[in-house]
C-alpha atoms as a PDB file:
ATOM      1  CA  MET A   1     -27.056 -11.465   7.956  1.00  0.00           C
ATOM      2  CA  SER A   2     -24.090 -13.346   7.737  1.00  0.00           C
ATOM      3  CA  SER A   3     -21.537 -12.596   5.027  1.00  0.00           C
ATOM      4  CA  LYS A   4     -22.175 -14.252   1.888  1.00  0.00           C
ATOM      5  CA  LYS A   5     -19.999 -14.937  -1.306  1.00  0.00           C
ATOM      6  CA  VAL A   6     -21.556 -12.688  -4.058  1.00  0.00           C
ATOM      7  CA  LYS A   7     -20.996 -13.176  -7.713  1.00  0.00           C
ATOM      8  CA  LYS A   8     -20.864 -10.051  -9.871  1.00  0.00           C
ATOM      9  CA  ILE A   9     -21.700 -10.042 -13.440  1.00  0.00           C
ATOM     10  CA  ALA A  10     -18.932  -8.632 -15.613  1.00  0.00           C
ATOM     11  CA  GLU A  11     -19.871  -5.353 -17.369  1.00  0.00           C
ATOM     12  CA  THR A  12     -18.529  -3.255 -19.946  1.00  0.00           C
ATOM     13  CA  ASP A  13     -19.613   0.095 -21.370  1.00  0.00           C
ATOM     14  CA  PHE A  14     -20.888  -1.480 -24.488  1.00  0.00           C
ATOM     15  CA  HIS A  15     -23.049  -4.306 -22.980  1.00  0.00           C
ATOM     16  CA  LEU A  16     -26.498  -3.706 -21.577  1.00  0.00           C
ATOM     17  CA  THR A  17     -26.297  -5.606 -18.289  1.00  0.00           C
ATOM     18  CA  GLY A  18     -28.443  -3.758 -15.696  1.00  0.00           C
ATOM     19  CA  GLN A  19     -30.305  -1.861 -18.292  1.00  0.00           C
ATOM     20  CA  ILE A  20     -33.917  -2.186 -19.627  1.00  0.00           C
ATOM     21  CA  LEU A  21     -35.192  -2.819 -22.818  1.00  0.00           C
ATOM     22  CA  VAL A  22     -38.667  -1.451 -23.925  1.00  0.00           C
ATOM     23  CA  ALA A  23     -40.132  -2.794 -27.057  1.00  0.00           C
ATOM     24  CA  MET A  24     -40.922  -0.140 -29.780  1.00  0.00           C
ATOM     25  CA  PRO A  25     -44.400  -0.155 -31.204  1.00  0.00           C
ATOM     26  CA  GLN A  26     -43.281  -1.972 -34.479  1.00  0.00           C
ATOM     27  CA  MET A  27     -42.237  -5.017 -32.359  1.00  0.00           C
ATOM     28  CA  GLN A  28     -44.527  -7.698 -34.097  1.00  0.00           C
ATOM     29  CA  ASP A  29     -43.581 -10.827 -32.150  1.00  0.00           C
ATOM     30  CA  PRO A  30     -46.546 -11.243 -29.787  1.00  0.00           C
ATOM     31  CA  ARG A  31     -44.185 -12.701 -27.006  1.00  0.00           C
ATOM     32  CA  PHE A  32     -42.450  -9.258 -26.788  1.00  0.00           C
ATOM     33  CA  LYS A  33     -45.040  -6.692 -27.906  1.00  0.00           C
ATOM     34  CA  LYS A  34     -45.178  -3.829 -25.478  1.00  0.00           C
ATOM     35  CA  SER A  35     -42.586  -5.623 -23.335  1.00  0.00           C
ATOM     36  CA  VAL A  36     -40.177  -4.067 -20.645  1.00  0.00           C
ATOM     37  CA  ILE A  37     -37.245  -6.215 -20.010  1.00  0.00           C
ATOM     38  CA  PHE A  38     -34.505  -6.098 -17.324  1.00  0.00           C
ATOM     39  CA  MET A  39     -31.251  -7.273 -18.827  1.00  0.00           C
ATOM     40  CA  CYS A  40     -29.470  -9.575 -16.461  1.00  0.00           C
ATOM     41  CA  GLY A  41     -26.539 -10.263 -18.554  1.00  0.00           C
ATOM     42  CA  HIS A  42     -25.155  -9.267 -21.938  1.00  0.00           C
ATOM     43  CA  ASP A  43     -21.850 -10.204 -23.322  1.00  0.00           C
ATOM     44  CA  ASP A  44     -20.138 -11.144 -26.655  1.00  0.00           C
ATOM     45  CA  HIS A  45     -21.839 -14.629 -26.306  1.00  0.00           C
ATOM     46  CA  GLY A  46     -25.468 -13.451 -26.072  1.00  0.00           C
ATOM     47  CA  ALA A  47     -27.879 -11.738 -23.729  1.00  0.00           C
ATOM     48  CA  MET A  48     -30.387 -12.874 -21.129  1.00  0.00           C
ATOM     49  CA  GLY A  49     -33.276 -10.657 -19.499  1.00  0.00           C
ATOM     50  CA  ILE A  50     -36.393 -11.015 -17.657  1.00  0.00           C
ATOM     51  CA  VAL A  51     -39.845  -9.504 -18.838  1.00  0.00           C
ATOM     52  CA  VAL A  52     -41.102  -7.532 -15.967  1.00  0.00           C
ATOM     53  CA  ASN A  53     -44.459  -6.322 -17.409  1.00  0.00           C
ATOM     54  CA  LYS A  54     -46.353  -9.401 -18.273  1.00  0.00           C
ATOM     55  CA  LEU A  55     -48.226 -11.781 -15.908  1.00  0.00           C
ATOM     56  CA  ILE A  56     -48.951 -15.616 -16.026  1.00  0.00           C
ATOM     57  CA  GLU A  57     -52.800 -15.465 -15.111  1.00  0.00           C
ATOM     58  CA  SER A  58     -53.052 -19.337 -15.096  1.00  0.00           C
ATOM     59  CA  VAL A  59     -50.280 -19.727 -12.374  1.00  0.00           C
ATOM     60  CA  THR A  60     -50.509 -18.378  -8.670  1.00  0.00           C
ATOM     61  CA  PHE A  61     -47.831 -18.118  -6.064  1.00  0.00           C
ATOM     62  CA  GLU A  62     -49.686 -20.721  -4.159  1.00  0.00           C
ATOM     63  CA  ASP A  63     -49.720 -23.115  -7.056  1.00  0.00           C
ATOM     64  CA  LEU A  64     -45.902 -22.590  -7.563  1.00  0.00           C
ATOM     65  CA  LEU A  65     -45.051 -23.125  -3.990  1.00  0.00           C
ATOM     66  CA  GLN A  66     -47.053 -26.472  -4.013  1.00  0.00           C
ATOM     67  CA  GLN A  67     -45.205 -27.568  -7.263  1.00  0.00           C
ATOM     68  CA  LEU A  68     -41.908 -26.883  -5.082  1.00  0.00           C
ATOM     69  CA  ASN A  69     -43.260 -28.781  -2.184  1.00  0.00           C
ATOM     70  CA  LEU A  70     -42.988 -25.498  -0.039  1.00  0.00           C
ATOM     71  CA  GLU A  71     -45.832 -24.307   2.508  1.00  0.00           C
ATOM     72  CA  ASN A  72     -46.763 -20.843   2.582  1.00  0.00           C
ATOM     73  CA  ILE A  73     -46.751 -19.982   6.258  1.00  0.00           C
ATOM     74  CA  ASP A  74     -47.509 -16.223   5.608  1.00  0.00           C
ATOM     75  CA  LYS A  75     -51.061 -16.183   4.065  1.00  0.00           C
ATOM     76  CA  SER A  76     -50.829 -12.631   3.663  1.00  0.00           C
ATOM     77  CA  LEU A  77     -48.121 -12.950   0.704  1.00  0.00           C
ATOM     78  CA  ASP A  78     -49.714 -12.126  -2.514  1.00  0.00           C
ATOM     79  CA  ILE A  79     -46.791 -12.327  -5.140  1.00  0.00           C
ATOM     80  CA  GLN A  80     -47.731 -12.332  -8.884  1.00  0.00           C
ATOM     81  CA  VAL A  81     -46.047 -14.829 -11.081  1.00  0.00           C
ATOM     82  CA  HIS A  82     -44.662 -13.142 -14.121  1.00  0.00           C
ATOM     83  CA  TYR A  83     -44.025 -14.248 -17.834  1.00  0.00           C
ATOM     84  CA  GLY A  84     -40.117 -13.999 -17.732  1.00  0.00           C
ATOM     85  CA  GLY A  85     -39.825 -14.923 -21.525  1.00  0.00           C
ATOM     86  CA  PRO A  86     -40.301 -17.852 -23.846  1.00  0.00           C
ATOM     87  CA  VAL A  87     -36.915 -19.584 -22.991  1.00  0.00           C
ATOM     88  CA  GLU A  88     -37.189 -22.397 -20.308  1.00  0.00           C
ATOM     89  CA  ILE A  89     -40.794 -21.262 -19.261  1.00  0.00           C
ATOM     90  CA  GLY A  90     -40.692 -24.066 -16.572  1.00  0.00           C
ATOM     91  CA  ARG A  91     -37.786 -22.656 -14.863  1.00  0.00           C
ATOM     92  CA  GLY A  92     -38.197 -19.908 -12.147  1.00  0.00           C
ATOM     93  CA  PHE A  93     -36.211 -16.871 -11.714  1.00  0.00           C
ATOM     94  CA  VAL A  94     -36.442 -14.152  -8.882  1.00  0.00           C
ATOM     95  CA  LEU A  95     -35.219 -10.595  -9.206  1.00  0.00           C
ATOM     96  CA  HIS A  96     -35.093  -8.878  -5.997  1.00  0.00           C
ATOM     97  CA  SER A  97     -33.421  -6.059  -3.987  1.00  0.00           C
ATOM     98  CA  THR A  98     -29.735  -6.353  -2.732  1.00  0.00           C
ATOM     99  CA  ASP A  99     -30.757  -6.014   0.826  1.00  0.00           C
ATOM    100  CA  TYR A 100     -31.001  -9.756   0.634  1.00  0.00           C
ATOM    101  CA  MET A 101     -28.241 -12.020  -0.901  1.00  0.00           C
ATOM    102  CA  ALA A 102     -28.266 -15.730  -0.798  1.00  0.00           C
ATOM    103  CA  GLU A 103     -25.351 -17.910  -1.752  1.00  0.00           C
ATOM    104  CA  ALA A 104     -26.647 -18.554  -5.490  1.00  0.00           C
ATOM    105  CA  SER A 105     -27.783 -14.730  -5.893  1.00  0.00           C
ATOM    106  CA  VAL A 106     -26.150 -12.833  -8.622  1.00  0.00           C
ATOM    107  CA  GLU A 107     -25.684  -8.952  -8.071  1.00  0.00           C
ATOM    108  CA  VAL A 108     -26.621  -7.408 -11.431  1.00  0.00           C
ATOM    109  CA  THR A 109     -26.444  -3.784 -10.407  1.00  0.00           C
ATOM    110  CA  ASN A 110     -25.854  -2.185  -6.844  1.00  0.00           C
ATOM    111  CA  ASP A 111     -29.420  -2.498  -6.014  1.00  0.00           C
ATOM    112  CA  ILE A 112     -30.840  -5.499  -8.209  1.00  0.00           C
ATOM    113  CA  ALA A 113     -29.950  -9.135  -7.987  1.00  0.00           C
ATOM    114  CA  LEU A 114     -31.175 -12.488  -9.576  1.00  0.00           C
ATOM    115  CA  SER A 115     -31.677 -15.599  -8.051  1.00  0.00           C
ATOM    116  CA  ALA A 116     -32.500 -18.937  -9.832  1.00  0.00           C
ATOM    117  CA  SER A 117     -32.810 -21.093  -6.554  1.00  0.00           C
ATOM    118  CA  THR A 118     -35.824 -21.891  -4.274  1.00  0.00           C
ATOM    119  CA  THR A 119     -33.611 -20.521  -1.225  1.00  0.00           C
ATOM    120  CA  VAL A 120     -35.198 -16.934  -1.877  1.00  0.00           C
ATOM    121  CA  LEU A 121     -38.689 -18.139  -1.756  1.00  0.00           C
ATOM    122  CA  ASP A 122     -38.039 -20.134   1.414  1.00  0.00           C
ATOM    123  CA  ASP A 123     -36.733 -16.996   3.002  1.00  0.00           C
ATOM    124  CA  VAL A 124     -39.766 -14.946   1.638  1.00  0.00           C
ATOM    125  CA  ILE A 125     -42.151 -17.214   3.274  1.00  0.00           C
ATOM    126  CA  LEU A 126     -40.372 -17.231   6.436  1.00  0.00           C
ATOM    127  CA  GLY A 127     -40.362 -13.305   6.551  1.00  0.00           C
ATOM    128  CA  ASN A 128     -36.547 -13.123   5.921  1.00  0.00           C
ATOM    129  CA  GLY A 129     -36.456 -12.280   2.253  1.00  0.00           C
ATOM    130  CA  PRO A 130     -35.743  -9.264   0.247  1.00  0.00           C
ATOM    131  CA  ASP A 131     -37.829  -6.026   0.546  1.00  0.00           C
ATOM    132  CA  HIS A 132     -38.662  -6.297  -3.272  1.00  0.00           C
ATOM    133  CA  ILE A 133     -39.249  -9.203  -5.220  1.00  0.00           C
ATOM    134  CA  LEU A 134     -40.347 -10.137  -8.838  1.00  0.00           C
ATOM    135  CA  LEU A 135     -41.061 -13.977  -9.422  1.00  0.00           C
ATOM    136  CA  ALA A 136     -40.791 -15.052 -13.066  1.00  0.00           C
ATOM    137  CA  LEU A 137     -41.109 -18.311 -15.121  1.00  0.00           C
ATOM    138  CA  GLY A 138     -39.008 -18.306 -18.149  1.00  0.00           C
ATOM    139  CA  TYR A 139     -36.492 -15.806 -19.630  1.00  0.00           C
ATOM    140  CA  ALA A 140     -35.771 -13.890 -22.784  1.00  0.00           C
ATOM    141  CA  GLY A 141     -32.496 -14.827 -24.544  1.00  0.00           C
ATOM    142  CA  TRP A 142     -30.539 -13.740 -27.518  1.00  0.00           C
ATOM    143  CA  SER A 143     -27.627 -15.510 -29.256  1.00  0.00           C
ATOM    144  CA  SER A 144     -24.414 -13.651 -29.959  1.00  0.00           C
ATOM    145  CA  GLY A 145     -25.035 -10.366 -32.058  1.00  0.00           C
ATOM    146  CA  GLN A 146     -28.835 -10.862 -32.039  1.00  0.00           C
ATOM    147  CA  LEU A 147     -29.953  -8.391 -29.684  1.00  0.00           C
ATOM    148  CA  GLU A 148     -27.552  -5.813 -31.209  1.00  0.00           C
ATOM    149  CA  GLU A 149     -29.212  -6.560 -34.715  1.00  0.00           C
ATOM    150  CA  GLU A 150     -32.725  -6.026 -33.090  1.00  0.00           C
ATOM    151  CA  ILE A 151     -31.579  -2.764 -31.551  1.00  0.00           C
ATOM    152  CA  MET A 152     -30.111  -1.583 -34.907  1.00  0.00           C
ATOM    153  CA  LYS A 153     -33.536  -2.429 -36.638  1.00  0.00           C
ATOM    154  CA  ASN A 154     -35.295  -0.238 -34.138  1.00  0.00           C
ATOM    155  CA  GLY A 155     -36.895  -3.214 -32.278  1.00  0.00           C
ATOM    156  CA  TRP A 156     -35.814  -1.981 -28.629  1.00  0.00           C
ATOM    157  CA  LEU A 157     -35.433   1.272 -26.898  1.00  0.00           C
ATOM    158  CA  THR A 158     -32.538   0.933 -24.176  1.00  0.00           C
ATOM    159  CA  LEU A 159     -33.103   2.932 -20.990  1.00  0.00           C
ATOM    160  CA  PRO A 160     -31.744   2.895 -17.362  1.00  0.00           C
ATOM    161  CA  ALA A 161     -33.088   0.494 -14.962  1.00  0.00           C
ATOM    162  CA  ASP A 162     -34.271   1.072 -11.489  1.00  0.00           C
ATOM    163  CA  GLY A 163     -36.399  -0.700  -8.739  1.00  0.00           C
ATOM    164  CA  SER A 164     -39.529   1.606  -9.329  1.00  0.00           C
ATOM    165  CA  ILE A 165     -39.809  -0.073 -12.874  1.00  0.00           C
ATOM    166  CA  LEU A 166     -38.703  -3.473 -11.888  1.00  0.00           C
ATOM    167  CA  PHE A 167     -40.799  -3.848  -8.651  1.00  0.00           C
ATOM    168  CA  ASP A 168     -43.828  -2.033 -10.048  1.00  0.00           C
ATOM    169  CA  THR A 169     -47.175  -3.515  -8.858  1.00  0.00           C
ATOM    170  CA  ASN A 170     -49.249  -2.513 -11.994  1.00  0.00           C
ATOM    171  CA  PRO A 171     -47.594  -4.269 -14.876  1.00  0.00           C
ATOM    172  CA  ASN A 172     -50.410  -3.863 -17.155  1.00  0.00           C
ATOM    173  CA  THR A 173     -49.541  -0.139 -17.877  1.00  0.00           C
ATOM    174  CA  LEU A 174     -45.910  -0.324 -17.212  1.00  0.00           C
ATOM    175  CA  TRP A 175     -44.869  -0.064 -20.837  1.00  0.00           C
ATOM    176  CA  GLN A 176     -46.334   3.265 -21.338  1.00  0.00           C
ATOM    177  CA  ARG A 177     -45.409   4.697 -17.788  1.00  0.00           C
ATOM    178  CA  THR A 178     -41.795   3.636 -18.403  1.00  0.00           C
ATOM    179  CA  LEU A 179     -41.524   5.410 -21.678  1.00  0.00           C
ATOM    180  CA  GLU A 180     -43.355   8.399 -20.054  1.00  0.00           C
ATOM    181  CA  LYS A 181     -40.890   8.396 -17.102  1.00  0.00           C
ATOM    182  CA  PHE A 182     -37.981   8.921 -19.440  1.00  0.00           C
ATOM    183  CA  GLY A 183     -39.747  11.687 -21.444  1.00  0.00           C
ATOM    184  CA  VAL A 184     -40.536   9.425 -24.453  1.00  0.00           C
ATOM    185  CA  ASP A 185     -44.331  10.144 -25.589  1.00  0.00           C
ATOM    186  CA  PRO A 186     -45.651   6.670 -26.932  1.00  0.00           C
ATOM    187  CA  GLU A 187     -47.748   8.495 -29.401  1.00  0.00           C
ATOM    188  CA  HIS A 188     -44.521   9.840 -30.982  1.00  0.00           C
ATOM    189  CA  LEU A 189     -42.941   6.512 -31.728  1.00  0.00           C
ATOM    190  CA  PHE A 190     -43.737   5.885 -35.182  1.00  0.00           C
ATOM    191  CA  ALA A 191     -43.989   2.176 -36.710  1.00  0.00           C
ATOM    192  CA  HIS A 192     -40.951   2.996 -39.012  1.00  0.00           C
ATOM    193  CA  THR A 193     -38.380   5.280 -37.249  1.00  0.00           C
ATOM    194  CA  GLY A 194     -34.988   5.764 -39.050  1.00  0.00           C
ATOM    195  CA  HIS A 195     -31.420   6.062 -37.790  1.00  0.00           C
ATOM    196  CA  ALA A 196     -29.783   9.456 -37.384  1.00  0.00           C
END
């Protein structure tokens, strides 16, 4: 693969770029109930993430390709379309492994990148795409200080991210399995937890 210019998202110790958010049981917003979100960016201006465990049943990969005027020459491809969040639901995002980087790809961590152009889908169809891919419509967004406030109110648990969570093929049970992977028993998460 030819050398491509790669952008790197700035990170600081305080910010959650490259981490995951797991909705706590008391999360009442139906858009985020039992959500697992990969944080693509977080700084003083706000935050942006992709929900990785909710599917859009009404849209197929074939539907999406037709809307983009792309032809799927590899009929064995069966890529699920995820609900990435309530912001810009008509806009597509691709989380993928960094074995593939296009000009517009943004490296979020050493092994996970984000693309918002159709180039990655073109390459997936041609068999030249990344080893791992998650296709989502929309994203989750927070204004400055909003996410921090939600975390302080025990709305979210923050955990390290890895590809086994992001590119999991069974999103329906991913919330519970993510908690269990990090030694958190969902049964012990009470609706009103306090701060230490």
